C-alpha cells in the first residue's frame, strides 16, 4: 500500500515535470523553475519538449505498473530504477536539486515496493 502511494507520487512528480518542460518551458514560470533566460528558453524549447516526452514515458510506465496491481511489480521496479538513474545523472550533470526531487522519491518508492509495503 505505502509502496503504491509512493509510486503514484513519483508518477505525479513526472507528470508535473512533463507539464513544466512541454508547456511552461518558455514562460516566466519555466524560466524561474529552470533558471533560464528568455533567449535560452526560446532556443531550447524543442529540446525541452523532447525531454518532457521522455519524462512522460517514465510516468506512463509507473502508472501502468500501478494499473497491473500485484502483477506490476517488475514494471514498477524497472521504471523506478529508470527514474532513479536518470535522477542521479541529472544531479551529476545539472544540479543536486534533482537528487532530492527525482532520485530520493524514486529510491524510497523502490524500497517500499521491494519490501512489499
PDB file of N, CA and C in Angstrom:
ATOM      1  N   UNK A   1       0.823  -1.199   0.000  1.00  0.00           N
ATOM      2  CA  UNK A   1       0.000   0.000   0.000  1.00  0.00           C
ATOM      3  C   UNK A   1       0.869   1.266   0.000  1.00  0.00           C
ATOM      4  N   UNK A   2       1.817   1.361   0.946  1.00  0.00           N
ATOM      5  CA  UNK A   2       2.702   2.523   1.004  1.00  0.00           C
ATOM      6  C   UNK A   2       3.523   2.607  -0.283  1.00  0.00           C
ATOM      7  N   UNK A   3       3.983   1.442  -0.756  1.00  0.00           N
ATOM      8  CA  UNK A   3       4.761   1.409  -1.992  1.00  0.00           C
ATOM      9  C   UNK A   3       3.981   1.984  -3.163  1.00  0.00           C
ATOM     10  N   UNK A   4       2.734   1.596  -3.300  1.00  0.00           N
ATOM     11  CA  UNK A   4       1.913   2.102  -4.407  1.00  0.00           C
ATOM     12  C   UNK A   4       1.647   3.593  -4.272  1.00  0.00           C
ATOM     13  N   UNK A   5       1.478   4.064  -3.049  1.00  0.00           N
ATOM     14  CA  UNK A   5       1.287   5.503  -2.843  1.00  0.00           C
ATOM     15  C   UNK A   5       2.540   6.259  -3.278  1.00  0.00           C
ATOM     16  N   UNK A   6       3.708   5.737  -2.907  1.00  0.00           N
ATOM     17  CA  UNK A   6       4.963   6.388  -3.298  1.00  0.00           C
ATOM     18  C   UNK A   6       5.194   6.308  -4.804  1.00  0.00           C
ATOM     19  N   UNK A   7       4.839   5.182  -5.417  1.00  0.00           N
ATOM     20  CA  UNK A   7       4.940   5.067  -6.878  1.00  0.00           C
ATOM     21  C   UNK A   7       4.035   6.105  -7.529  1.00  0.00           C
ATOM     22  N   UNK A   8       2.824   6.238  -7.014  1.00  0.00           N
ATOM     23  CA  UNK A   8       1.902   7.247  -7.541  1.00  0.00           C
ATOM     24  C   UNK A   8       2.447   8.650  -7.391  1.00  0.00           C
ATOM     25  N   UNK A   9       3.106   8.926  -6.271  1.00  0.00           N
ATOM     26  CA  UNK A   9       3.712  10.236  -6.051  1.00  0.00           C
ATOM     27  C   UNK A   9       4.825  10.498  -7.068  1.00  0.00           C
ATOM     28  N   UNK A  10       5.667   9.502  -7.290  1.00  0.00           N
ATOM     29  CA  UNK A  10       6.741   9.649  -8.286  1.00  0.00           C
ATOM     30  C   UNK A  10       6.138   9.874  -9.673  1.00  0.00           C
ATOM     31  N   UNK A  11       5.072   9.152  -9.999  1.00  0.00           N
ATOM     32  CA  UNK A  11       4.399   9.351 -11.293  1.00  0.00           C
ATOM     33  C   UNK A  11       3.858  10.777 -11.397  1.00  0.00           C
ATOM     34  N   UNK A  12       3.240  11.271 -10.338  1.00  0.00           N
ATOM     35  CA  UNK A  12       2.706  12.642 -10.357  1.00  0.00           C
ATOM     36  C   UNK A  12       3.814  13.678 -10.493  1.00  0.00           C
ATOM     37  N   UNK A  13       4.925  13.448  -9.824  1.00  0.00           N
ATOM     38  CA  UNK A  13       6.072  14.356  -9.976  1.00  0.00           C
ATOM     39  C   UNK A  13       6.477  14.421 -11.443  1.00  0.00           C
ATOM     40  N   UNK A  14       6.492  13.269 -12.103  1.00  0.00           N
ATOM     41  CA  UNK A  14       6.915  13.254 -13.502  1.00  0.00           C
ATOM     42  C   UNK A  14       5.861  13.829 -14.439  1.00  0.00           C
ATOM     43  N   UNK A  15       4.606  13.688 -14.105  1.00  0.00           N
ATOM     44  CA  UNK A  15       3.559  14.351 -14.897  1.00  0.00           C
ATOM     45  C   UNK A  15       3.750  15.864 -14.799  1.00  0.00           C
ATOM     46  N   UNK A  16       4.063  16.346 -13.605  1.00  0.00           N
ATOM     47  CA  UNK A  16       4.307  17.779 -13.430  1.00  0.00           C
ATOM     48  C   UNK A  16       5.557  18.218 -14.199  1.00  0.00           C
ATOM     49  N   UNK A  17       6.597  17.398 -14.171  1.00  0.00           N
ATOM     50  CA  UNK A  17       7.806  17.718 -14.940  1.00  0.00           C
ATOM     51  C   UNK A  17       7.483  17.791 -16.427  1.00  0.00           C
ATOM     52  N   UNK A  18       6.651  16.874 -16.909  1.00  0.00           N
ATOM     53  CA  UNK A  18       6.222  16.911 -18.313  1.00  0.00           C
ATOM     54  C   UNK A  18       5.567  18.258 -18.611  1.00  0.00           C
ATOM     55  N   UNK A  19       4.662  18.667 -17.743  1.00  0.00           N
ATOM     56  CA  UNK A  19       3.962  19.940 -17.928  1.00  0.00           C
ATOM     57  C   UNK A  19       4.949  21.109 -17.936  1.00  0.00           C
ATOM     58  N   UNK A  20       5.890  21.090 -16.996  1.00  0.00           N
ATOM     59  CA  UNK A  20       6.887  22.161 -16.954  1.00  0.00           C
ATOM     60  C   UNK A  20       7.720  22.201 -18.232  1.00  0.00           C
ATOM     61  N   UNK A  21       8.166  21.038 -18.696  1.00  0.00           N
ATOM     62  CA  UNK A  21       9.078  21.001 -19.842  1.00  0.00           C
ATOM     63  C   UNK A  21       8.372  21.171 -21.179  1.00  0.00           C
ATOM     64  N   UNK A  22       7.146  20.710 -21.291  1.00  0.00           N
ATOM     65  CA  UNK A  22       6.466  20.757 -22.582  1.00  0.00           C
ATOM     66  C   UNK A  22       5.553  21.974 -22.739  1.00  0.00           C
ATOM     67  N   UNK A  23       5.057  22.501 -21.633  1.00  0.00           N
ATOM     68  CA  UNK A  23       4.096  23.606 -21.725  1.00  0.00           C
ATOM     69  C   UNK A  23       4.672  24.916 -21.174  1.00  0.00           C
ATOM     70  N   UNK A  24       5.322  24.840 -20.019  1.00  0.00           N
ATOM     71  CA  UNK A  24       5.747  26.056 -19.327  1.00  0.00           C
ATOM     72  C   UNK A  24       7.193  26.465 -19.583  1.00  0.00           C
ATOM     73  N   UNK A  25       7.936  25.702 -20.353  1.00  0.00           N
ATOM     74  CA  UNK A  25       9.360  25.953 -20.548  1.00  0.00           C
ATOM     75  C   UNK A  25       9.641  27.401 -20.948  1.00  0.00           C
ATOM     76  N   UNK A  26       8.923  27.900 -21.918  1.00  0.00           N
ATOM     77  CA  UNK A  26       9.182  29.239 -22.455  1.00  0.00           C
ATOM     78  C   UNK A  26       8.202  30.269 -21.881  1.00  0.00           C
ATOM     79  N   UNK A  27       7.954  30.163 -20.578  1.00  0.00           N
ATOM     80  CA  UNK A  27       7.102  31.120 -19.866  1.00  0.00           C
ATOM     81  C   UNK A  27       7.866  31.622 -18.640  1.00  0.00           C
ATOM     82  N   UNK A  28       7.412  32.694 -18.035  1.00  0.00           N
ATOM     83  CA  UNK A  28       8.101  33.151 -16.816  1.00  0.00           C
ATOM     84  C   UNK A  28       8.214  32.064 -15.752  1.00  0.00           C
ATOM     85  N   UNK A  29       7.188  31.228 -15.608  1.00  0.00           N
ATOM     86  CA  UNK A  29       7.251  30.134 -14.623  1.00  0.00           C
ATOM     87  C   UNK A  29       8.359  29.135 -14.977  1.00  0.00           C
ATOM     88  N   UNK A  30       8.450  28.781 -16.249  1.00  0.00           N
ATOM     89  CA  UNK A  30       9.512  27.881 -16.705  1.00  0.00           C
ATOM     90  C   UNK A  30      10.883  28.502 -16.527  1.00  0.00           C
ATOM     91  N   UNK A  31      10.990  29.772 -16.838  1.00  0.00           N
ATOM     92  CA  UNK A  31      12.275  30.468 -16.682  1.00  0.00           C
ATOM     93  C   UNK A  31      12.723  30.422 -15.225  1.00  0.00           C
ATOM     94  N   UNK A  32      11.783  30.691 -14.320  1.00  0.00           N
ATOM     95  CA  UNK A  32      12.119  30.704 -12.892  1.00  0.00           C
ATOM     96  C   UNK A  32      12.462  29.304 -12.390  1.00  0.00           C
ATOM     97  N   UNK A  33      11.646  28.322 -12.768  1.00  0.00           N
ATOM     98  CA  UNK A  33      11.852  26.949 -12.302  1.00  0.00           C
ATOM     99  C   UNK A  33      13.203  26.402 -12.728  1.00  0.00           C
ATOM    100  N   UNK A  34      13.549  26.614 -13.981  1.00  0.00           N
ATOM    101  CA  UNK A  34      14.783  26.044 -14.531  1.00  0.00           C
ATOM    102  C   UNK A  34      15.930  27.056 -14.619  1.00  0.00           C
ATOM    103  N   UNK A  35      15.712  28.247 -14.078  1.00  0.00           N
ATOM    104  CA  UNK A  35      16.726  29.313 -14.095  1.00  0.00           C
ATOM    105  C   UNK A  35      17.220  29.593 -15.515  1.00  0.00           C
ATOM    106  N   UNK A  36      16.278  29.918 -16.391  1.00  0.00           N
ATOM    107  CA  UNK A  36      16.575  30.140 -17.803  1.00  0.00           C
ATOM    108  C   UNK A  36      16.433  31.608 -18.162  1.00  0.00           C
ATOM    109  N   UNK A  37      17.232  32.018 -19.104  1.00  0.00           N
ATOM    110  CA  UNK A  37      16.985  33.328 -19.711  1.00  0.00           C
ATOM    111  C   UNK A  37      15.904  33.118 -20.774  1.00  0.00           C
ATOM    112  N   UNK A  38      15.130  34.156 -21.080  1.00  0.00           N
ATOM    113  CA  UNK A  38      14.121  34.000 -22.140  1.00  0.00           C
ATOM    114  C   UNK A  38      14.732  33.558 -23.470  1.00  0.00           C
ATOM    115  N   UNK A  39      15.931  34.052 -23.766  1.00  0.00           N
ATOM    116  CA  UNK A  39      16.589  33.688 -25.031  1.00  0.00           C
ATOM    117  C   UNK A  39      16.937  32.194 -25.065  1.00  0.00           C
ATOM    118  N   UNK A  40      17.508  31.705 -23.976  1.00  0.00           N
ATOM    119  CA  UNK A  40      17.868  30.285 -23.928  1.00  0.00           C
ATOM    120  C   UNK A  40      16.612  29.412 -23.963  1.00  0.00           C
ATOM    121  N   UNK A  41      15.591  29.815 -23.239  1.00  0.00           N
ATOM    122  CA  UNK A  41      14.345  29.043 -23.214  1.00  0.00           C
ATOM    123  C   UNK A  41      13.750  28.945 -24.608  1.00  0.00           C
ATOM    124  N   UNK A  42      13.742  30.043 -25.310  1.00  0.00           N
ATOM    125  CA  UNK A  42      13.193  30.040 -26.668  1.00  0.00           C
ATOM    126  C   UNK A  42      14.010  29.144 -27.591  1.00  0.00           C
ATOM    127  N   UNK A  43      15.336  29.224 -27.478  1.00  0.00           N
ATOM    128  CA  UNK A  43      16.214  28.439 -28.347  1.00  0.00           C
ATOM    129  C   UNK A  43      16.170  26.950 -28.034  1.00  0.00           C
ATOM    130  N   UNK A  44      15.850  26.595 -26.803  1.00  0.00           N
ATOM    131  CA  UNK A  44      15.891  25.185 -26.404  1.00  0.00           C
ATOM    132  C   UNK A  44      14.509  24.568 -26.190  1.00  0.00           C
ATOM    133  N   UNK A  45      13.477  25.264 -26.598  1.00  0.00           N
ATOM    134  CA  UNK A  45      12.099  24.812 -26.351  1.00  0.00           C
ATOM    135  C   UNK A  45      11.822  23.423 -26.929  1.00  0.00           C
ATOM    136  N   UNK A  46      12.279  23.165 -28.131  1.00  0.00           N
ATOM    137  CA  UNK A  46      12.036  21.861 -28.766  1.00  0.00           C
ATOM    138  C   UNK A  46      12.775  20.753 -28.016  1.00  0.00           C
ATOM    139  N   UNK A  47      14.000  21.030 -27.596  1.00  0.00           N
ATOM    140  CA  UNK A  47      14.753  20.039 -26.821  1.00  0.00           C
ATOM    141  C   UNK A  47      14.072  19.756 -25.484  1.00  0.00           C
ATOM    142  N   UNK A  48      13.554  20.797 -24.843  1.00  0.00           N
ATOM    143  CA  UNK A  48      12.861  20.617 -23.565  1.00  0.00           C
ATOM    144  C   UNK A  48      11.595  19.782 -23.753  1.00  0.00           C
ATOM    145  N   UNK A  49      10.885  20.017 -24.835  1.00  0.00           N
ATOM    146  CA  UNK A  49       9.676  19.227 -25.104  1.00  0.00           C
ATOM    147  C   UNK A  49      10.032  17.755 -25.306  1.00  0.00           C
ATOM    148  N   UNK A  50      11.136  17.496 -25.987  1.00  0.00           N
ATOM    149  CA  UNK A  50      11.597  16.123 -26.173  1.00  0.00           C
ATOM    150  C   UNK A  50      11.929  15.483 -24.829  1.00  0.00           C
ATOM    151  N   UNK A  51      12.611  16.232 -23.991  1.00  0.00           N
ATOM    152  CA  UNK A  51      12.936  15.760 -22.647  1.00  0.00           C
ATOM    153  C   UNK A  51      11.657  15.514 -21.843  1.00  0.00           C
ATOM    154  N   UNK A  52      10.694  16.389 -21.990  1.00  0.00           N
ATOM    155  CA  UNK A  52       9.407  16.217 -21.313  1.00  0.00           C
ATOM    156  C   UNK A  52       8.703  14.950 -21.756  1.00  0.00           C
ATOM    157  N   UNK A  53       8.804  14.642 -23.036  1.00  0.00           N
ATOM    158  CA  UNK A  53       8.187  13.424 -23.550  1.00  0.00           C
ATOM    159  C   UNK A  53       8.789  12.187 -22.886  1.00  0.00           C
ATOM    160  N   UNK A  54      10.098  12.173 -22.713  1.00  0.00           N
ATOM    161  CA  UNK A  54      10.751  11.048 -22.030  1.00  0.00           C
ATOM    162  C   UNK A  54      10.283  10.937 -20.585  1.00  0.00           C
ATOM    163  N   UNK A  55      10.131  12.066 -19.907  1.00  0.00           N
ATOM    164  CA  UNK A  55       9.598  12.033 -18.548  1.00  0.00           C
ATOM    165  C   UNK A  55       8.161  11.520 -18.546  1.00  0.00           C
ATOM    166  N   UNK A  56       7.434  11.818 -19.597  1.00  0.00           N
ATOM    167  CA  UNK A  56       6.075  11.289 -19.734  1.00  0.00           C
ATOM    168  C   UNK A  56       6.065   9.774 -19.852  1.00  0.00           C
ATOM    169  N   UNK A  57       7.041   9.233 -20.553  1.00  0.00           N
ATOM    170  CA  UNK A  57       7.141   7.774 -20.652  1.00  0.00           C
ATOM    171  C   UNK A  57       7.430   7.144 -19.293  1.00  0.00           C
ATOM    172  N   UNK A  58       8.257   7.802 -18.493  1.00  0.00           N
ATOM    173  CA  UNK A  58       8.520   7.299 -17.140  1.00  0.00           C
ATOM    174  C   UNK A  58       7.235   7.299 -16.310  1.00  0.00           C
ATOM    175  N   UNK A  59       6.494   8.396 -16.383  1.00  0.00           N
ATOM    176  CA  UNK A  59       5.225   8.476 -15.644  1.00  0.00           C
ATOM    177  C   UNK A  59       4.254   7.411 -16.140  1.00  0.00           C
ATOM    178  N   UNK A  60       4.177   7.245 -17.450  1.00  0.00           N
ATOM    179  CA  UNK A  60       3.260   6.247 -18.018  1.00  0.00           C
ATOM    180  C   UNK A  60       3.632   4.836 -17.566  1.00  0.00           C
ATOM    181  N   UNK A  61       4.907   4.537 -17.516  1.00  0.00           N
ATOM    182  CA  UNK A  61       5.341   3.221 -17.058  1.00  0.00           C
ATOM    183  C   UNK A  61       4.974   2.973 -15.612  1.00  0.00           C
ATOM    184  N   UNK A  62       5.125   3.983 -14.773  1.00  0.00           N
ATOM    185  CA  UNK A  62       4.764   3.839 -13.357  1.00  0.00           C
ATOM    186  C   UNK A  62       3.248   3.664 -13.196  1.00  0.00           C
ATOM    187  N   UNK A  63       2.492   4.424 -13.968  1.00  0.00           N
ATOM    188  CA  UNK A  63       1.029   4.300 -13.920  1.00  0.00           C
ATOM    189  C   UNK A  63       0.607   2.925 -14.421  1.00  0.00           C
ATOM    190  N   UNK A  64       1.261   2.430 -15.454  1.00  0.00           N
ATOM    191  CA  UNK A  64       0.989   1.092 -15.963  1.00  0.00           C
ATOM    192  C   UNK A  64       1.251   0.048 -14.879  1.00  0.00           C
ATOM    193  N   UNK A  65       2.383   0.181 -14.191  1.00  0.00           N
ATOM    194  CA  UNK A  65       2.702  -0.747 -13.109  1.00  0.00           C
ATOM    195  C   UNK A  65       1.650  -0.717 -12.015  1.00  0.00           C
ATOM    196  N   UNK A  66       1.165   0.457 -11.668  1.00  0.00           N
ATOM    197  CA  UNK A  66       0.090   0.561 -10.668  1.00  0.00           C
ATOM    198  C   UNK A  66      -1.185  -0.098 -11.169  1.00  0.00           C
ATOM    199  N   UNK A  67      -1.501   0.120 -12.435  1.00  0.00           N
ATOM    200  CA  UNK A  67      -2.706  -0.448 -13.036  1.00  0.00           C
ATOM    201  C   UNK A  67      -2.684  -1.978 -12.979  1.00  0.00           C
ATOM    202  N   UNK A  68      -1.517  -2.553 -13.143  1.00  0.00           N
ATOM    203  CA  UNK A  68      -1.391  -4.009 -13.150  1.00  0.00           C
ATOM    204  C   UNK A  68      -1.528  -4.628 -11.759  1.00  0.00           C
ATOM    205  N   UNK A  69      -1.491  -3.798 -10.725  1.00  0.00           N
ATOM    206  CA  UNK A  69      -1.607  -4.314  -9.359  1.00  0.00           C
ATOM    207  C   UNK A  69      -0.392  -5.155  -8.990  1.00  0.00           C
ATOM    208  N   UNK A  70      -0.643  -6.276  -8.339  1.00  0.00           N
ATOM    209  CA  UNK A  70       0.456  -7.147  -7.892  1.00  0.00           C
ATOM    210  C   UNK A  70       1.282  -7.651  -9.078  1.00  0.00           C
ATOM    211  N   UNK A  71       0.652  -7.828 -10.210  1.00  0.00           N
ATOM    212  CA  UNK A  71       1.359  -8.298 -11.404  1.00  0.00           C
ATOM    213  C   UNK A  71       2.302  -7.230 -11.970  1.00  0.00           C
ATOM    214  N   UNK A  72       2.186  -6.000 -11.489  1.00  0.00           N
ATOM    215  CA  UNK A  72       3.014  -4.911 -11.988  1.00  0.00           C
ATOM    216  C   UNK A  72       4.299  -4.691 -11.215  1.00  0.00           C
ATOM    217  N   UNK A  73       4.629  -5.610 -10.324  1.00  0.00           N
ATOM    218  CA  UNK A  73       5.830  -5.460  -9.503  1.00  0.00           C
ATOM    219  C   UNK A  73       7.068  -5.167 -10.348  1.00  0.00           C
ATOM    220  N   UNK A  74       7.328  -6.008 -11.350  1.00  0.00           N
ATOM    221  CA  UNK A  74       8.536  -5.835 -12.166  1.00  0.00           C
ATOM    222  C   UNK A  74       8.496  -4.555 -12.982  1.00  0.00           C
ATOM    223  N   UNK A  75       7.316  -4.170 -13.434  1.00  0.00           N
ATOM    224  CA  UNK A  75       7.180  -2.925 -14.201  1.00  0.00           C
ATOM    225  C   UNK A  75       7.505  -1.735 -13.302  1.00  0.00           C
ATOM    226  N   UNK A  76       6.964  -1.731 -12.085  1.00  0.00           N
ATOM    227  CA  UNK A  76       7.238  -0.642 -11.149  1.00  0.00           C
ATOM    228  C   UNK A  76       8.724  -0.583 -10.804  1.00  0.00           C
ATOM    229  N   UNK A  77       9.328  -1.730 -10.534  1.00  0.00           N
ATOM    230  CA  UNK A  77      10.755  -1.760 -10.207  1.00  0.00           C
ATOM    231  C   UNK A  77      11.583  -1.221 -11.375  1.00  0.00           C
ATOM    232  N   UNK A  78      11.291  -1.660 -12.586  1.00  0.00           N
ATOM    233  CA  UNK A  78      12.038  -1.203 -13.758  1.00  0.00           C
ATOM    234  C   UNK A  78      11.960   0.310 -13.910  1.00  0.00           C
ATOM    235  N   UNK A  79      10.730   0.847 -13.878  1.00  0.00           N
ATOM    236  CA  UNK A  79      10.587   2.281 -14.108  1.00  0.00           C
ATOM    237  C   UNK A  79      11.113   3.109 -12.941  1.00  0.00           C
ATOM    238  N   UNK A  80      11.006   2.616 -11.723  1.00  0.00           N
ATOM    239  CA  UNK A  80      11.603   3.325 -10.592  1.00  0.00           C
ATOM    240  C   UNK A  80      13.125   3.357 -10.712  1.00  0.00           C
ATOM    241  N   UNK A  81      13.713   2.252 -11.161  1.00  0.00           N
ATOM    242  CA  UNK A  81      15.163   2.243 -11.398  1.00  0.00           C
ATOM    243  C   UNK A  81      15.544   3.244 -12.490  1.00  0.00           C
ATOM    244  N   UNK A  82      14.740   3.309 -13.549  1.00  0.00           N
ATOM    245  CA  UNK A  82      14.993   4.281 -14.617  1.00  0.00           C
ATOM    246  C   UNK A  82      14.944   5.706 -14.080  1.00  0.00           C
ATOM    247  N   UNK A  83      13.937   6.000 -13.266  1.00  0.00           N
ATOM    248  CA  UNK A  83      13.809   7.335 -12.678  1.00  0.00           C
ATOM    249  C   UNK A  83      15.005   7.638 -11.779  1.00  0.00           C
ATOM    250  N   UNK A  84      15.379   6.689 -10.936  1.00  0.00           N
ATOM    251  CA  UNK A  84      16.492   6.904 -10.015  1.00  0.00           C
ATOM    252  C   UNK A  84      17.799   7.139 -10.771  1.00  0.00           C
ATOM    253  N   UNK A  85      18.047   6.355 -11.797  1.00  0.00           N
ATOM    254  CA  UNK A  85      19.282   6.510 -12.579  1.00  0.00           C
ATOM    255  C   UNK A  85      19.279   7.842 -13.332  1.00  0.00           C
ATOM    256  N   UNK A  86      18.143   8.192 -13.920  1.00  0.00           N
ATOM    257  CA  UNK A  86      18.044   9.492 -14.604  1.00  0.00           C
ATOM    258  C   UNK A  86      18.260  10.628 -13.612  1.00  0.00           C
ATOM    259  N   UNK A  87      17.730  10.475 -12.409  1.00  0.00           N
ATOM    260  CA  UNK A  87      17.924  11.495 -11.381  1.00  0.00           C
ATOM    261  C   UNK A  87      19.371  11.616 -10.952  1.00  0.00           C
ATOM    262  N   UNK A  88      20.053  10.487 -10.827  1.00  0.00           N
ATOM    263  CA  UNK A  88      21.482  10.530 -10.493  1.00  0.00           C
ATOM    264  C   UNK A  88      22.280  11.248 -11.581  1.00  0.00           C
ATOM    265  N   UNK A  89      21.965  10.926 -12.813  1.00  0.00           N
ATOM    266  CA  UNK A  89      22.656  11.577 -13.928  1.00  0.00           C
ATOM    267  C   UNK A  89      22.363  13.077 -13.931  1.00  0.00           C
ATOM    268  N   UNK A  90      21.097  13.424 -13.750  1.00  0.00           N
ATOM    269  CA  UNK A  90      20.729  14.839 -13.710  1.00  0.00           C
ATOM    270  C   UNK A  90      21.397  15.569 -12.560  1.00  0.00           C
ATOM    271  N   UNK A  91      21.470  14.928 -11.408  1.00  0.00           N
ATOM    272  CA  UNK A  91      22.125  15.553 -10.249  1.00  0.00           C
ATOM    273  C   UNK A  91      23.614  15.773 -10.514  1.00  0.00           C
ATOM    274  N   UNK A  92      24.231  14.842 -11.221  1.00  0.00           N
ATOM    275  CA  UNK A  92      25.663  14.954 -11.514  1.00  0.00           C
ATOM    276  C   UNK A  92      25.952  15.977 -12.610  1.00  0.00           C
ATOM    277  N   UNK A  93      25.031  16.141 -13.547  1.00  0.00           N
ATOM    278  CA  UNK A  93      25.308  16.992 -14.703  1.00  0.00           C
ATOM    279  C   UNK A  93      24.599  18.342 -14.684  1.00  0.00           C
ATOM    280  N   UNK A  94      23.486  18.425 -13.954  1.00  0.00           N
ATOM    281  CA  UNK A  94      22.700  19.667 -13.967  1.00  0.00           C
ATOM    282  C   UNK A  94      22.717  20.353 -12.604  1.00  0.00           C
ATOM    283  N   UNK A  95      22.331  19.618 -11.561  1.00  0.00           N
ATOM    284  CA  UNK A  95      22.305  20.215 -10.232  1.00  0.00           C
ATOM    285  C   UNK A  95      21.830  19.235  -9.183  1.00  0.00           C
ATOM    286  N   UNK A  96      22.330  19.406  -7.964  1.00  0.00           N
ATOM    287  CA  UNK A  96      21.996  18.494  -6.863  1.00  0.00           C
ATOM    288  C   UNK A  96      20.517  18.487  -6.513  1.00  0.00           C
ATOM    289  N   UNK A  97      19.825  19.559  -6.818  1.00  0.00           N
ATOM    290  CA  UNK A  97      18.395  19.655  -6.522  1.00  0.00           C
ATOM    291  C   UNK A  97      17.626  18.467  -7.108  1.00  0.00           C
ATOM    292  N   UNK A  98      18.053  18.009  -8.265  1.00  0.00           N
ATOM    293  CA  UNK A  98      17.394  16.883  -8.939  1.00  0.00           C
ATOM    294  C   UNK A  98      17.476  15.620  -8.087  1.00  0.00           C
ATOM    295  N   UNK A  99      18.556  15.480  -7.349  1.00  0.00           N
ATOM    296  CA  UNK A  99      18.713  14.323  -6.469  1.00  0.00           C
ATOM    297  C   UNK A  99      17.538  14.221  -5.500  1.00  0.00           C
ATOM    298  N   UNK A 100      17.123  15.353  -4.956  1.00  0.00           N
ATOM    299  CA  UNK A 100      16.062  15.367  -3.953  1.00  0.00           C
ATOM    300  C   UNK A 100      14.666  15.358  -4.566  1.00  0.00           C
ATOM    301  N   UNK A 101      14.529  15.919  -5.754  1.00  0.00           N
ATOM    302  CA  UNK A 101      13.220  15.969  -6.409  1.00  0.00           C
ATOM    303  C   UNK A 101      12.896  14.662  -7.108  1.00  0.00           C
ATOM    304  N   UNK A 102      13.881  14.015  -7.682  1.00  0.00           N
ATOM    305  CA  UNK A 102      13.639  12.848  -8.518  1.00  0.00           C
ATOM    306  C   UNK A 102      14.188  11.558  -7.916  1.00  0.00           C
ATOM    307  N   UNK A 103      15.451  11.550  -7.541  1.00  0.00           N
ATOM    308  CA  UNK A 103      16.092  10.303  -7.118  1.00  0.00           C
ATOM    309  C   UNK A 103      15.585   9.810  -5.769  1.00  0.00           C
ATOM    310  N   UNK A 104      15.565  10.680  -4.772  1.00  0.00           N
ATOM    311  CA  UNK A 104      15.163  10.254  -3.428  1.00  0.00           C
ATOM    312  C   UNK A 104      13.742   9.676  -3.414  1.00  0.00           C
ATOM    313  N   UNK A 105      12.742  10.359  -4.015  1.00  0.00           N
ATOM    314  CA  UNK A 105      11.413   9.747  -4.025  1.00  0.00           C
ATOM    315  C   UNK A 105      11.378   8.395  -4.745  1.00  0.00           C
ATOM    316  N   UNK A 106      12.127   8.280  -5.850  1.00  0.00           N
ATOM    317  CA  UNK A 106      12.146   7.014  -6.591  1.00  0.00           C
ATOM    318  C   UNK A 106      12.771   5.898  -5.760  1.00  0.00           C
ATOM    319  N   UNK A 107      13.860   6.197  -5.073  1.00  0.00           N
ATOM    320  CA  UNK A 107      14.523   5.180  -4.253  1.00  0.00           C
ATOM    321  C   UNK A 107      13.627   4.767  -3.080  1.00  0.00           C
ATOM    322  N   UNK A 108      12.981   5.735  -2.449  1.00  0.00           N
ATOM    323  CA  UNK A 108      12.062   5.401  -1.354  1.00  0.00           C
ATOM    324  C   UNK A 108      10.913   4.524  -1.847  1.00  0.00           C
ATOM    325  N   UNK A 109      10.363   4.867  -3.005  1.00  0.00           N
ATOM    326  CA  UNK A 109       9.290   4.049  -3.585  1.00  0.00           C
ATOM    327  C   UNK A 109       9.802   2.660  -3.934  1.00  0.00           C
ATOM    328  N   UNK A 110      10.995   2.591  -4.488  1.00  0.00           N
ATOM    329  CA  UNK A 110      11.593   1.303  -4.847  1.00  0.00           C
ATOM    330  C   UNK A 110      11.762   0.423  -3.614  1.00  0.00           C
ATOM    331  N   UNK A 111      12.259   0.988  -2.543  1.00  0.00           N
ATOM    332  CA  UNK A 111      12.417   0.221  -1.301  1.00  0.00           C
ATOM    333  C   UNK A 111      11.070  -0.281  -0.797  1.00  0.00           C
ATOM    334  N   UNK A 112      10.079   0.616  -0.801  1.00  0.00           N
ATOM    335  CA  UNK A 112       8.747   0.237  -0.316  1.00  0.00           C
ATOM    336  C   UNK A 112       8.118  -0.861  -1.172  1.00  0.00           C
ATOM    337  N   UNK A 113       8.265  -0.741  -2.482  1.00  0.00           N
ATOM    338  CA  UNK A 113       7.714  -1.756  -3.396  1.00  0.00           C
ATOM    339  C   UNK A 113       8.447  -3.080  -3.181  1.00  0.00           C
ATOM    340  N   UNK A 114       9.764  -2.997  -3.118  1.00  0.00           N
ATOM    341  CA  UNK A 114      10.575  -4.212  -2.960  1.00  0.00           C
ATOM    342  C   UNK A 114      10.244  -4.959  -1.672  1.00  0.00           C
ATOM    343  N   UNK A 115      10.005  -4.198  -0.590  1.00  0.00           N
ATOM    344  CA  UNK A 115       9.692  -4.816   0.698  1.00  0.00           C
ATOM    345  C   UNK A 115       8.210  -5.192   0.830  1.00  0.00           C
ATOM    346  N   UNK A 116       7.440  -4.860  -0.173  1.00  0.00           N
ATOM    347  CA  UNK A 116       6.019  -5.224  -0.156  1.00  0.00           C
ATOM    348  C   UNK A 116       5.180  -4.388   0.797  1.00  0.00           C
ATOM    349  N   UNK A 117       5.641  -3.171   1.085  1.00  0.00           N
ATOM    350  CA  UNK A 117       4.889  -2.297   1.985  1.00  0.00           C
ATOM    351  C   UNK A 117       3.667  -1.744   1.316  1.00  0.00           C
TER     352      UNK A 117
END
